[in-house]
Amino acid sequence: MRRAALTTLLALLLPIAAYAHAFPDRSRPRVGATVKTAPHHVRIWFDAGLEALFCSLTVKNAAGQVVSEGRGHVVSGSHDRLLETTVKPLAPGKYRVYWSVVAVDGHHTEGHYMFRVGG
């Protein structure tokens, strides 16, 4: 009886573990925000640890030109949950952030969001 209960419990928990992907928890600048001062960095915090080797963060202007430097990196000492990139000096306008990550459990997620600089 006890073994059957344990087996049932494990069967219920396994599907939860299989869907453990890393998703953004918050970002700076925030999703859809208009900021008065251009940021020097774009940062996204995730809800799970990231595999640094397989993560990237790119920022593009309205013309589609890359304005970030490098491919971004996972910040050490952040429990491997913070992805960051440095951006060139940004003029007023619309920018789109593209992220792609692999969580420590091996699952890939990606997405994008927009922010504006200026009024």
N, C-alpha and C. Protein backbone atom coordinates (compact mmCIF):
# COMPACT_ATOMS: atom_id res chain seq x y z
N MET A 1 0.82 -1.19 0.00
CA MET A 1 0.00 0.00 0.00
C MET A 1 0.86 1.25 0.00
N ARG A 2 1.89 1.24 0.87
CA ARG A 2 2.79 2.38 0.97
C ARG A 2 3.56 2.59 -0.33
N ARG A 3 3.98 1.50 -0.93
CA ARG A 3 4.72 1.57 -2.19
C ARG A 3 3.84 2.14 -3.31
N ALA A 4 2.58 1.75 -3.35
CA ALA A 4 1.65 2.27 -4.35
C ALA A 4 1.44 3.77 -4.17
N ALA A 5 1.35 4.21 -2.94
CA ALA A 5 1.17 5.64 -2.68
C ALA A 5 2.41 6.43 -3.12
N LEU A 6 3.59 5.89 -2.84
CA LEU A 6 4.84 6.55 -3.26
C LEU A 6 4.94 6.60 -4.78
N THR A 7 4.59 5.53 -5.45
CA THR A 7 4.62 5.49 -6.91
C THR A 7 3.65 6.51 -7.50
N THR A 8 2.47 6.61 -6.93
CA THR A 8 1.49 7.59 -7.40
C THR A 8 2.01 9.01 -7.20
N LEU A 9 2.60 9.27 -6.05
CA LEU A 9 3.15 10.60 -5.76
C LEU A 9 4.25 10.95 -6.76
N LEU A 10 5.16 10.03 -7.04
CA LEU A 10 6.23 10.28 -8.01
C LEU A 10 5.67 10.53 -9.41
N ALA A 11 4.66 9.77 -9.78
CA ALA A 11 4.04 9.94 -11.09
C ALA A 11 3.42 11.32 -11.23
N LEU A 12 2.89 11.85 -10.14
CA LEU A 12 2.29 13.19 -10.18
C LEU A 12 3.35 14.27 -10.24
N LEU A 13 4.50 14.05 -9.62
CA LEU A 13 5.55 15.07 -9.58
C LEU A 13 6.40 15.11 -10.84
N LEU A 14 6.59 14.03 -11.52
CA LEU A 14 7.46 13.98 -12.69
C LEU A 14 7.03 14.93 -13.80
N PRO A 15 5.76 15.01 -14.15
CA PRO A 15 5.41 15.96 -15.21
C PRO A 15 5.73 17.40 -14.86
N ILE A 16 5.66 17.77 -13.59
CA ILE A 16 6.00 19.13 -13.18
C ILE A 16 7.46 19.39 -13.47
N ALA A 17 8.32 18.45 -13.12
CA ALA A 17 9.76 18.63 -13.35
C ALA A 17 10.07 18.72 -14.83
N ALA A 18 9.34 18.01 -15.67
CA ALA A 18 9.61 18.01 -17.11
C ALA A 18 9.31 19.35 -17.77
N TYR A 19 8.49 20.18 -17.14
CA TYR A 19 8.15 21.47 -17.72
C TYR A 19 8.83 22.63 -17.02
N ALA A 20 9.95 22.37 -16.36
CA ALA A 20 10.65 23.42 -15.62
C ALA A 20 11.58 24.20 -16.55
N HIS A 21 11.04 25.17 -17.27
CA HIS A 21 11.81 26.04 -18.14
C HIS A 21 12.17 27.32 -17.40
N ALA A 22 13.13 28.08 -17.94
CA ALA A 22 13.48 29.38 -17.36
C ALA A 22 12.73 30.47 -18.11
N PHE A 23 11.97 31.27 -17.36
CA PHE A 23 11.23 32.39 -17.94
C PHE A 23 11.62 33.68 -17.24
N PRO A 24 11.55 34.81 -17.95
CA PRO A 24 11.90 36.08 -17.32
C PRO A 24 11.02 36.36 -16.11
N ASP A 25 11.66 36.83 -15.05
CA ASP A 25 10.96 37.23 -13.84
C ASP A 25 10.75 38.74 -13.84
N ARG A 26 11.79 39.48 -14.24
CA ARG A 26 11.71 40.93 -14.39
C ARG A 26 12.86 41.38 -15.26
N SER A 27 12.82 42.64 -15.69
CA SER A 27 13.88 43.15 -16.56
C SER A 27 14.11 44.62 -16.27
N ARG A 28 15.25 45.11 -16.71
CA ARG A 28 15.58 46.53 -16.63
C ARG A 28 16.24 46.94 -17.93
N PRO A 29 15.70 47.83 -18.72
CA PRO A 29 14.41 48.46 -18.54
C PRO A 29 13.28 47.42 -18.55
N ARG A 30 12.17 47.79 -17.94
CA ARG A 30 11.03 46.89 -17.86
C ARG A 30 10.37 46.72 -19.24
N VAL A 31 9.64 45.65 -19.38
CA VAL A 31 8.92 45.36 -20.63
C VAL A 31 7.95 46.50 -20.93
N GLY A 32 8.07 47.09 -22.12
CA GLY A 32 7.17 48.15 -22.56
C GLY A 32 7.42 49.51 -21.94
N ALA A 33 8.48 49.64 -21.15
CA ALA A 33 8.73 50.91 -20.45
C ALA A 33 9.24 51.99 -21.40
N THR A 34 9.00 53.24 -21.01
CA THR A 34 9.65 54.39 -21.64
C THR A 34 10.55 54.99 -20.57
N VAL A 35 11.85 55.03 -20.84
CA VAL A 35 12.81 55.55 -19.87
C VAL A 35 13.33 56.89 -20.36
N LYS A 36 13.54 57.83 -19.44
CA LYS A 36 14.04 59.16 -19.81
C LYS A 36 15.52 59.12 -20.11
N THR A 37 16.25 58.32 -19.34
CA THR A 37 17.70 58.21 -19.50
C THR A 37 18.04 56.87 -20.15
N ALA A 38 18.86 56.92 -21.18
CA ALA A 38 19.25 55.68 -21.87
C ALA A 38 20.03 54.78 -20.93
N PRO A 39 19.70 53.51 -20.88
CA PRO A 39 20.44 52.58 -20.01
C PRO A 39 21.81 52.24 -20.60
N HIS A 40 22.74 51.88 -19.73
CA HIS A 40 24.06 51.40 -20.18
C HIS A 40 24.07 49.88 -20.31
N HIS A 41 23.11 49.25 -19.60
CA HIS A 41 22.99 47.80 -19.62
C HIS A 41 21.52 47.43 -19.77
N VAL A 42 21.27 46.28 -20.34
CA VAL A 42 19.94 45.69 -20.33
C VAL A 42 20.08 44.39 -19.54
N ARG A 43 19.17 44.20 -18.56
CA ARG A 43 19.27 43.04 -17.68
C ARG A 43 17.92 42.33 -17.60
N ILE A 44 17.98 41.01 -17.59
CA ILE A 44 16.78 40.19 -17.40
C ILE A 44 17.08 39.15 -16.32
N TRP A 45 16.22 39.13 -15.30
CA TRP A 45 16.31 38.13 -14.24
C TRP A 45 15.35 37.00 -14.58
N PHE A 46 15.80 35.76 -14.43
CA PHE A 46 14.98 34.59 -14.75
C PHE A 46 14.57 33.84 -13.49
N ASP A 47 13.56 33.00 -13.63
CA ASP A 47 13.04 32.28 -12.47
C ASP A 47 13.73 30.93 -12.25
N ALA A 48 14.79 30.66 -13.01
CA ALA A 48 15.56 29.42 -12.84
C ALA A 48 17.00 29.69 -13.26
N GLY A 49 17.90 28.84 -12.82
CA GLY A 49 19.30 28.97 -13.18
C GLY A 49 19.52 28.75 -14.68
N LEU A 50 20.55 29.42 -15.21
CA LEU A 50 20.82 29.39 -16.65
C LEU A 50 22.16 28.73 -16.94
N GLU A 51 22.25 28.09 -18.09
CA GLU A 51 23.51 27.54 -18.59
C GLU A 51 24.20 28.63 -19.39
N ALA A 52 25.21 29.25 -18.83
CA ALA A 52 25.84 30.45 -19.40
C ALA A 52 26.29 30.26 -20.85
N LEU A 53 26.80 29.13 -21.17
CA LEU A 53 27.35 28.87 -22.50
C LEU A 53 26.29 28.98 -23.60
N PHE A 54 25.03 28.76 -23.25
CA PHE A 54 23.98 28.70 -24.27
C PHE A 54 22.97 29.84 -24.19
N CYS A 55 23.35 30.95 -23.57
CA CYS A 55 22.42 32.07 -23.39
C CYS A 55 22.90 33.29 -24.17
N SER A 56 21.97 34.07 -24.67
CA SER A 56 22.34 35.30 -25.38
C SER A 56 21.29 36.37 -25.16
N LEU A 57 21.73 37.62 -25.30
CA LEU A 57 20.86 38.79 -25.13
C LEU A 57 21.33 39.84 -26.13
N THR A 58 20.45 40.24 -27.02
CA THR A 58 20.77 41.20 -28.07
C THR A 58 19.75 42.32 -28.07
N VAL A 59 20.21 43.54 -28.28
CA VAL A 59 19.32 44.70 -28.35
C VAL A 59 19.47 45.32 -29.74
N LYS A 60 18.32 45.61 -30.39
CA LYS A 60 18.32 46.22 -31.72
C LYS A 60 17.50 47.50 -31.69
N ASN A 61 17.90 48.46 -32.53
CA ASN A 61 17.12 49.69 -32.65
C ASN A 61 15.97 49.47 -33.63
N ALA A 62 15.20 50.54 -33.88
CA ALA A 62 14.01 50.43 -34.74
C ALA A 62 14.38 50.04 -36.17
N ALA A 63 15.60 50.34 -36.60
CA ALA A 63 16.05 49.99 -37.94
C ALA A 63 16.57 48.55 -38.00
N GLY A 64 16.60 47.87 -36.86
CA GLY A 64 17.07 46.49 -36.83
C GLY A 64 18.56 46.35 -36.65
N GLN A 65 19.25 47.47 -36.36
CA GLN A 65 20.70 47.41 -36.14
C GLN A 65 20.99 47.01 -34.70
N VAL A 66 21.98 46.15 -34.54
CA VAL A 66 22.37 45.71 -33.20
C VAL A 66 23.06 46.86 -32.48
N VAL A 67 22.58 47.17 -31.28
CA VAL A 67 23.16 48.25 -30.47
C VAL A 67 23.77 47.71 -29.17
N SER A 68 23.70 46.41 -28.98
CA SER A 68 24.34 45.80 -27.81
C SER A 68 25.74 45.36 -28.20
N GLU A 69 26.59 45.20 -27.18
CA GLU A 69 27.97 44.80 -27.41
C GLU A 69 28.14 43.35 -26.97
N GLY A 70 28.56 42.52 -27.88
CA GLY A 70 28.72 41.11 -27.56
C GLY A 70 27.36 40.40 -27.56
N ARG A 71 27.35 39.19 -27.04
CA ARG A 71 26.13 38.37 -27.04
C ARG A 71 25.46 38.29 -25.68
N GLY A 72 25.94 39.12 -24.74
CA GLY A 72 25.40 39.08 -23.40
C GLY A 72 26.04 37.96 -22.60
N HIS A 73 25.84 38.00 -21.28
CA HIS A 73 26.43 36.97 -20.43
C HIS A 73 25.61 36.80 -19.16
N VAL A 74 25.75 35.64 -18.57
CA VAL A 74 25.13 35.36 -17.28
C VAL A 74 26.06 35.93 -16.22
N VAL A 75 25.52 36.74 -15.33
CA VAL A 75 26.32 37.41 -14.30
C VAL A 75 26.63 36.43 -13.17
N SER A 76 27.93 36.28 -12.88
CA SER A 76 28.31 35.38 -11.79
C SER A 76 27.90 36.01 -10.46
N GLY A 77 27.60 35.17 -9.49
CA GLY A 77 27.15 35.64 -8.19
C GLY A 77 25.67 35.97 -8.16
N SER A 78 24.97 35.72 -9.24
CA SER A 78 23.53 36.01 -9.32
C SER A 78 22.72 34.73 -9.21
N HIS A 79 23.31 33.66 -8.70
CA HIS A 79 22.70 32.33 -8.69
C HIS A 79 22.40 31.90 -10.14
N ASP A 80 23.18 32.47 -11.08
CA ASP A 80 23.07 32.14 -12.51
C ASP A 80 21.69 32.41 -13.06
N ARG A 81 21.04 33.45 -12.56
CA ARG A 81 19.69 33.79 -13.02
C ARG A 81 19.60 35.15 -13.70
N LEU A 82 20.72 35.88 -13.77
CA LEU A 82 20.72 37.22 -14.35
C LEU A 82 21.50 37.21 -15.67
N LEU A 83 20.82 37.60 -16.73
CA LEU A 83 21.42 37.72 -18.07
C LEU A 83 21.55 39.21 -18.36
N GLU A 84 22.74 39.63 -18.84
CA GLU A 84 23.01 41.06 -19.00
C GLU A 84 23.81 41.32 -20.27
N THR A 85 23.59 42.50 -20.87
CA THR A 85 24.43 42.94 -21.96
C THR A 85 24.65 44.44 -21.83
N THR A 86 25.78 44.92 -22.33
CA THR A 86 26.09 46.34 -22.37
C THR A 86 25.59 46.87 -23.70
N VAL A 87 25.04 48.10 -23.69
CA VAL A 87 24.56 48.70 -24.93
C VAL A 87 25.37 49.96 -25.24
N LYS A 88 25.47 50.26 -26.52
CA LYS A 88 26.12 51.48 -26.98
C LYS A 88 25.25 52.66 -26.54
N PRO A 89 25.78 53.90 -26.55
CA PRO A 89 24.92 55.04 -26.22
C PRO A 89 23.68 55.05 -27.11
N LEU A 90 22.51 55.09 -26.48
CA LEU A 90 21.25 54.98 -27.20
C LEU A 90 20.61 56.35 -27.42
N ALA A 91 20.22 56.61 -28.64
CA ALA A 91 19.47 57.83 -28.98
C ALA A 91 18.01 57.60 -28.61
N PRO A 92 17.23 58.67 -28.47
CA PRO A 92 15.80 58.47 -28.23
C PRO A 92 15.19 57.60 -29.34
N GLY A 93 14.29 56.74 -28.95
CA GLY A 93 13.67 55.86 -29.94
C GLY A 93 13.22 54.55 -29.32
N LYS A 94 12.84 53.65 -30.20
CA LYS A 94 12.29 52.35 -29.81
C LYS A 94 13.36 51.28 -29.95
N TYR A 95 13.44 50.37 -28.97
CA TYR A 95 14.43 49.29 -28.98
C TYR A 95 13.75 47.97 -28.66
N ARG A 96 14.28 46.93 -29.24
CA ARG A 96 13.73 45.60 -29.01
C ARG A 96 14.84 44.70 -28.45
N VAL A 97 14.49 43.96 -27.40
CA VAL A 97 15.43 43.08 -26.70
C VAL A 97 15.08 41.64 -27.07
N TYR A 98 16.05 40.90 -27.54
CA TYR A 98 15.87 39.49 -27.90
C TYR A 98 16.70 38.64 -26.93
N TRP A 99 16.07 37.66 -26.31
CA TRP A 99 16.79 36.78 -25.39
C TRP A 99 16.56 35.32 -25.77
N SER A 100 17.56 34.52 -25.48
CA SER A 100 17.50 33.08 -25.71
C SER A 100 18.30 32.42 -24.59
N VAL A 101 17.68 31.51 -23.86
CA VAL A 101 18.37 30.88 -22.73
C VAL A 101 18.12 29.38 -22.72
N VAL A 102 19.05 28.69 -22.08
CA VAL A 102 18.88 27.28 -21.75
C VAL A 102 18.99 27.18 -20.23
N ALA A 103 17.95 26.64 -19.62
CA ALA A 103 17.94 26.48 -18.17
C ALA A 103 18.87 25.35 -17.76
N VAL A 104 19.22 25.31 -16.49
CA VAL A 104 20.10 24.24 -16.00
C VAL A 104 19.49 22.86 -16.20
N ASP A 105 18.18 22.79 -16.38
CA ASP A 105 17.55 21.50 -16.65
C ASP A 105 17.59 21.12 -18.13
N GLY A 106 18.19 22.01 -18.95
CA GLY A 106 18.38 21.72 -20.37
C GLY A 106 17.29 22.21 -21.30
N HIS A 107 16.27 22.84 -20.79
CA HIS A 107 15.18 23.32 -21.64
C HIS A 107 15.46 24.72 -22.17
N HIS A 108 15.13 24.93 -23.45
CA HIS A 108 15.38 26.20 -24.13
C HIS A 108 14.11 27.05 -24.15
N THR A 109 14.26 28.33 -23.90
CA THR A 109 13.18 29.30 -24.08
C THR A 109 13.78 30.54 -24.72
N GLU A 110 12.95 31.30 -25.40
CA GLU A 110 13.40 32.55 -26.02
C GLU A 110 12.22 33.50 -26.13
N GLY A 111 12.54 34.76 -26.33
CA GLY A 111 11.48 35.75 -26.45
C GLY A 111 12.05 37.12 -26.77
N HIS A 112 11.19 38.09 -26.80
CA HIS A 112 11.64 39.47 -27.03
C HIS A 112 10.64 40.43 -26.43
N TYR A 113 11.10 41.63 -26.20
CA TYR A 113 10.23 42.70 -25.71
C TYR A 113 10.77 44.03 -26.17
N MET A 114 9.98 45.07 -25.98
CA MET A 114 10.33 46.39 -26.46
C MET A 114 10.40 47.38 -25.30
N PHE A 115 11.26 48.39 -25.44
CA PHE A 115 11.26 49.55 -24.55
C PHE A 115 11.60 50.77 -25.38
N ARG A 116 11.33 51.94 -24.82
CA ARG A 116 11.62 53.20 -25.51
C ARG A 116 12.55 54.06 -24.67
N VAL A 117 13.35 54.86 -25.34
CA VAL A 117 14.17 55.88 -24.69
C VAL A 117 13.62 57.22 -25.14
N GLY A 118 13.39 58.10 -24.16
CA GLY A 118 12.87 59.43 -24.48
C GLY A 118 11.39 59.53 -24.21
N GLY A 119 10.84 60.70 -24.51
CA GLY A 119 9.43 60.92 -24.21
C GLY A 119 8.57 60.49 -25.31
